[in-house]
Each structure stands twice: as structure tokens, then as C-alpha cells.
N, C-alpha and C. Protein backbone atom coordinates (compact mmCIF):
# COMPACT_ATOMS: atom_id res chain seq x y z
N MET A 1 11.09 -19.06 -159.61
CA MET A 1 10.90 -18.04 -158.90
C MET A 1 9.84 -19.57 -157.94
N MET A 2 8.82 -20.38 -158.08
CA MET A 2 8.15 -21.29 -158.41
C MET A 2 9.13 -22.42 -157.69
N HIS A 3 10.12 -23.12 -158.39
CA HIS A 3 10.65 -23.56 -157.97
C HIS A 3 11.18 -22.97 -156.75
N ASP A 4 11.97 -22.33 -156.76
CA ASP A 4 12.84 -22.12 -155.66
C ASP A 4 11.49 -22.04 -153.71
N ILE A 5 10.14 -21.72 -153.85
CA ILE A 5 9.08 -21.48 -153.16
C ILE A 5 9.26 -23.02 -153.15
N LEU A 6 8.84 -23.95 -153.80
CA LEU A 6 8.96 -25.05 -153.66
C LEU A 6 10.19 -25.39 -152.53
N GLU A 7 10.72 -25.36 -152.67
CA GLU A 7 12.61 -25.61 -152.02
C GLU A 7 12.31 -24.91 -151.07
N GLN A 8 12.15 -24.02 -151.16
CA GLN A 8 12.02 -23.58 -149.42
C GLN A 8 11.31 -24.25 -148.61
N ALA A 9 9.61 -24.16 -148.97
CA ALA A 9 8.91 -24.91 -148.36
C ALA A 9 9.23 -26.74 -147.93
N LEU A 10 9.40 -26.99 -149.19
CA LEU A 10 10.01 -28.80 -147.95
C LEU A 10 11.54 -28.92 -147.29
N GLU A 11 12.35 -27.99 -147.89
CA GLU A 11 13.38 -27.45 -146.69
C GLU A 11 12.84 -27.65 -145.25
N ARG A 12 11.87 -26.23 -145.57
CA ARG A 12 11.41 -26.28 -143.05
C ARG A 12 10.18 -27.54 -143.35
N ARG A 13 9.71 -27.94 -144.17
CA ARG A 13 9.04 -29.25 -143.91
C ARG A 13 9.63 -30.15 -143.41
N THR A 14 11.24 -30.58 -144.02
CA THR A 14 11.82 -31.84 -143.74
C THR A 14 12.59 -31.55 -142.33
N TRP A 15 12.84 -29.78 -142.13
CA TRP A 15 13.40 -29.33 -140.68
C TRP A 15 12.32 -29.36 -139.36
N GLU A 16 11.01 -29.40 -139.66
CA GLU A 16 9.78 -29.58 -138.54
C GLU A 16 9.27 -31.51 -138.62
N VAL A 17 9.87 -32.47 -139.98
CA VAL A 17 9.73 -33.76 -139.62
C VAL A 17 10.75 -33.88 -138.66
N VAL A 18 12.06 -33.61 -138.87
CA VAL A 18 13.32 -33.75 -137.60
C VAL A 18 13.18 -33.87 -136.72
N ALA A 19 12.49 -32.37 -136.20
CA ALA A 19 12.14 -31.97 -134.95
C ALA A 19 10.98 -32.92 -134.06
N LEU A 20 9.78 -33.47 -134.82
CA LEU A 20 9.07 -34.57 -134.31
C LEU A 20 9.48 -35.48 -134.36
N CYS A 21 10.83 -36.15 -135.16
CA CYS A 21 11.31 -37.66 -134.51
C CYS A 21 11.92 -37.58 -133.60
N GLU A 22 13.04 -36.38 -133.10
CA GLU A 22 13.54 -35.63 -132.14
C GLU A 22 12.92 -35.82 -130.85
N GLU A 23 11.42 -35.30 -131.04
CA GLU A 23 11.02 -35.22 -130.16
C GLU A 23 10.42 -36.94 -129.77
N LYS A 24 9.80 -37.82 -130.93
CA LYS A 24 9.46 -39.39 -130.55
C LYS A 24 10.30 -39.93 -130.01
N ASN A 25 11.71 -39.77 -130.32
CA ASN A 25 13.31 -40.30 -129.75
C ASN A 25 13.54 -40.05 -128.83
N ASP A 26 12.77 -38.72 -127.57
CA ASP A 26 13.45 -38.30 -126.41
C ASP A 26 13.64 -39.21 -125.40
N GLU A 27 12.53 -40.73 -124.97
CA GLU A 27 12.88 -41.38 -124.34
C GLU A 27 14.37 -42.19 -124.22
N THR A 28 14.59 -42.47 -126.16
CA THR A 28 15.90 -43.34 -126.23
C THR A 28 17.00 -42.07 -126.38
N TYR A 29 16.56 -40.98 -126.50
CA TYR A 29 18.14 -39.93 -125.97
C TYR A 29 18.59 -40.03 -124.88
N LYS A 30 16.85 -39.96 -123.90
CA LYS A 30 17.56 -40.04 -122.50
C LYS A 30 17.99 -41.12 -121.99
N SER A 31 17.90 -41.95 -122.41
CA SER A 31 18.40 -43.02 -122.29
C SER A 31 20.08 -43.20 -122.36
N LEU A 32 20.17 -42.71 -123.41
CA LEU A 32 21.76 -42.52 -123.88
C LEU A 32 22.47 -42.10 -122.67
N VAL A 33 22.20 -40.68 -122.76
CA VAL A 33 22.50 -39.77 -122.56
C VAL A 33 22.58 -40.30 -120.87
N ALA A 34 21.99 -41.28 -120.18
CA ALA A 34 21.75 -41.40 -118.80
C ALA A 34 23.07 -42.55 -118.73
N VAL A 35 22.97 -43.71 -120.03
CA VAL A 35 23.97 -44.43 -119.64
C VAL A 35 25.78 -44.23 -119.73
N LEU A 36 25.89 -42.94 -120.69
CA LEU A 36 26.84 -41.97 -120.75
C LEU A 36 27.09 -41.25 -119.13
N LYS A 37 26.22 -40.88 -118.69
CA LYS A 37 26.51 -40.16 -117.37
C LYS A 37 27.28 -41.25 -116.59
N LYS A 38 26.50 -42.60 -116.56
CA LYS A 38 26.78 -43.52 -115.64
C LYS A 38 28.76 -43.69 -116.12
N LEU A 39 28.86 -44.24 -117.54
CA LEU A 39 29.98 -43.81 -118.23
C LEU A 39 30.95 -42.87 -117.87
N ARG A 40 30.95 -41.56 -117.53
CA ARG A 40 31.83 -40.76 -117.44
C ARG A 40 32.45 -40.78 -115.66
N ASN A 41 31.81 -41.48 -115.47
CA ASN A 41 32.31 -42.21 -113.76
C ASN A 41 33.38 -42.86 -113.57
N HIS A 42 33.78 -43.87 -114.93
CA HIS A 42 35.17 -45.18 -114.91
C HIS A 42 36.00 -44.51 -115.99
N VAL A 43 35.39 -43.75 -116.87
CA VAL A 43 36.14 -43.68 -118.10
C VAL A 43 37.37 -42.38 -118.00
N PRO A 44 38.51 -43.04 -118.33
CA PRO A 44 39.54 -42.17 -118.01
C PRO A 44 39.85 -40.51 -118.60
N LEU A 45 40.04 -39.39 -118.23
CA LEU A 45 40.51 -38.04 -118.55
C LEU A 45 39.95 -37.71 -119.87
N GLU A 46 40.89 -38.32 -120.21
CA GLU A 46 41.64 -38.41 -121.63
C GLU A 46 40.76 -38.98 -122.84
N LEU A 47 39.49 -39.65 -121.76
CA LEU A 47 38.74 -40.76 -122.78
C LEU A 47 37.44 -39.41 -122.88
N ILE A 48 37.20 -38.74 -122.17
CA ILE A 48 35.97 -37.74 -122.32
C ILE A 48 35.51 -37.35 -123.67
N ASP A 49 36.42 -36.56 -124.12
CA ASP A 49 36.04 -36.42 -125.05
C ASP A 49 35.26 -37.32 -126.34
N GLU A 50 36.32 -38.15 -125.86
CA GLU A 50 34.99 -39.51 -127.68
C GLU A 50 33.81 -40.20 -126.69
N LEU A 51 33.66 -40.11 -125.27
CA LEU A 51 32.49 -40.36 -124.60
C LEU A 51 31.30 -39.24 -125.40
N ASN A 52 32.15 -37.80 -125.22
CA ASN A 52 30.95 -37.07 -125.87
C ASN A 52 30.40 -36.77 -127.33
N SER A 53 31.61 -37.41 -127.64
CA SER A 53 31.50 -37.59 -128.92
C SER A 53 30.39 -38.43 -129.96
N ILE A 54 30.59 -39.86 -128.46
CA ILE A 54 29.43 -40.35 -128.63
C ILE A 54 27.69 -40.36 -128.68
N GLU A 55 27.53 -39.08 -127.70
CA GLU A 55 26.52 -38.67 -127.70
C GLU A 55 25.93 -37.46 -129.21
N ASP A 56 27.60 -37.01 -129.67
CA ASP A 56 26.74 -36.36 -130.74
C ASP A 56 26.59 -36.82 -132.53
N LEU A 57 27.80 -38.14 -132.45
CA LEU A 57 27.17 -39.04 -133.26
C LEU A 57 25.51 -39.83 -132.96
N PHE A 58 25.26 -39.74 -131.98
CA PHE A 58 23.83 -40.07 -131.94
C PHE A 58 22.64 -39.11 -132.69
N VAL A 59 22.96 -38.70 -131.87
CA VAL A 59 21.92 -37.39 -133.10
C VAL A 59 22.31 -36.88 -134.20
N GLN A 60 23.30 -36.70 -134.69
CA GLN A 60 23.64 -36.57 -136.12
C GLN A 60 23.10 -38.01 -137.06
N LYS A 61 23.42 -38.96 -136.13
CA LYS A 61 22.61 -40.07 -136.87
C LYS A 61 21.26 -39.81 -137.80
N ASN A 62 20.83 -40.00 -136.38
CA ASN A 62 19.63 -39.44 -136.69
C ASN A 62 18.45 -38.55 -137.35
N THR A 63 19.46 -37.09 -137.24
CA THR A 63 19.50 -36.33 -137.86
C THR A 63 19.44 -36.58 -139.48
N ASP A 64 20.31 -37.07 -140.04
CA ASP A 64 20.86 -37.45 -141.11
C ASP A 64 19.62 -38.28 -142.35
N VAL A 65 19.53 -39.80 -141.09
CA VAL A 65 18.95 -40.31 -141.27
C VAL A 65 16.97 -40.20 -141.51
N VAL A 66 16.49 -39.15 -140.82
CA VAL A 66 15.31 -38.13 -141.27
C VAL A 66 15.18 -38.12 -142.21
N ILE A 67 16.58 -37.15 -142.84
CA ILE A 67 16.43 -35.87 -143.79
C ILE A 67 16.40 -37.08 -144.88
N MET A 68 17.02 -38.39 -145.20
CA MET A 68 17.13 -39.25 -145.97
C MET A 68 16.08 -40.00 -146.49
N ALA A 69 15.41 -39.93 -144.99
CA ALA A 69 13.98 -41.00 -145.43
C ALA A 69 12.05 -39.71 -146.24
N HIS A 70 12.96 -38.94 -145.38
CA HIS A 70 11.64 -37.57 -145.93
C HIS A 70 12.60 -36.97 -147.75
N GLN A 71 13.60 -36.51 -147.59
CA GLN A 71 13.61 -37.10 -149.35
C GLN A 71 13.13 -37.73 -150.29
N MET A 72 13.73 -38.80 -149.39
CA MET A 72 13.16 -40.14 -150.38
C MET A 72 11.42 -40.42 -150.89
N GLY A 73 11.11 -39.65 -150.12
CA GLY A 73 9.46 -39.79 -149.61
C GLY A 73 9.32 -39.25 -150.64
N ILE A 74 9.70 -37.85 -150.59
CA ILE A 74 9.36 -36.52 -151.53
C ILE A 74 9.43 -37.07 -152.72
N ASN A 75 11.06 -37.70 -153.04
CA ASN A 75 11.34 -38.10 -154.32
C ASN A 75 10.18 -39.07 -155.53
N ASP A 76 9.45 -40.09 -154.17
CA ASP A 76 8.90 -41.31 -154.55
C ASP A 76 7.56 -40.49 -155.05
N TYR A 77 7.23 -39.30 -154.15
CA TYR A 77 6.23 -38.94 -154.00
C TYR A 77 5.95 -37.89 -155.83
N ARG A 78 6.95 -37.71 -156.33
CA ARG A 78 7.38 -36.99 -156.77
C ARG A 78 7.41 -37.74 -158.74
N ASN A 79 8.18 -39.26 -158.25
CA ASN A 79 8.42 -40.03 -159.34
C ASN A 79 6.72 -40.67 -159.56
N PHE A 80 6.32 -40.83 -158.67
CA PHE A 80 4.55 -41.34 -158.75
C PHE A 80 3.56 -40.75 -159.88
N ILE A 81 3.63 -39.13 -159.68
CA ILE A 81 2.85 -38.22 -160.10
C ILE A 81 3.63 -38.28 -161.50
N ASN A 82 4.70 -38.16 -162.01
CA ASN A 82 5.68 -38.18 -163.10
C ASN A 82 4.27 -39.13 -164.07
N LYS A 83 4.66 -40.63 -163.36
CA LYS A 83 4.01 -41.44 -164.20
C LYS A 83 2.80 -42.21 -163.92
N PHE A 84 2.00 -41.35 -163.27
CA PHE A 84 0.65 -41.53 -163.58
C PHE A 84 0.15 -40.55 -164.19
N LYS A 85 1.20 -39.43 -164.48
CA LYS A 85 0.56 -38.44 -165.24
C LYS A 85 1.08 -39.22 -166.70
N ASN A 86 2.56 -39.85 -167.73
CA ASN A 86 2.61 -40.57 -167.85
C ASN A 86 1.30 -41.61 -168.16
N TYR A 87 0.96 -42.75 -167.46
CA TYR A 87 0.23 -43.37 -167.38
C TYR A 87 -1.76 -42.64 -168.53
N CYS A 88 -1.54 -41.52 -167.84
CA CYS A 88 -3.02 -40.93 -167.80
C CYS A 88 -2.76 -40.47 -169.23
N SER A 89 -1.59 -40.05 -169.62
CA SER A 89 -1.87 -39.27 -171.30
C SER A 89 -1.98 -40.08 -172.46
């Protein structure tokens, strides 16, 4: 039960970190959208879906990287605590 509560808290915090990082990258995202908007005027209609997928990939990549980095930080902390406990024993 305690494990489930901890996992839920970590999951919630992970998504908080994702939201913070998205907020921090807002200007970069706006720049990407502006470039894509310019390109839409010059790209043939049959390639618009591919152009739209670039935006989706950008967002997904950023989300994946943040989640992985956050999980690695949690794992590093857990490993540090375990090593510290073993060292002190």
C-alpha cells in the first residue's frame, strides 16, 4: 500500500515537472509554431500532415526527455540513499 502511494506521488510530481518544463520552453515552442506557420504557405497540401507531425514530435520528444530525466533523478536519489545506508551500517 505504501509503495502504491509513493508511486502515485512520484507520477503526480513527474507530470508537475513536465508542466514546468513546458512552461519554461514556451518561447521555443512559439518560435517553432511561427516557423511552421510560414512553411505551411509554401508546402504542398499533400505534405501538410507531415508538417503538422513535426510539431507533435517536438512536443512528444520534450515530454519524453523530461520524464526520463526526472525518473533518472529519482533512481539516482534512491541509489544514493541505499549506498549511504550501507555505508553507515
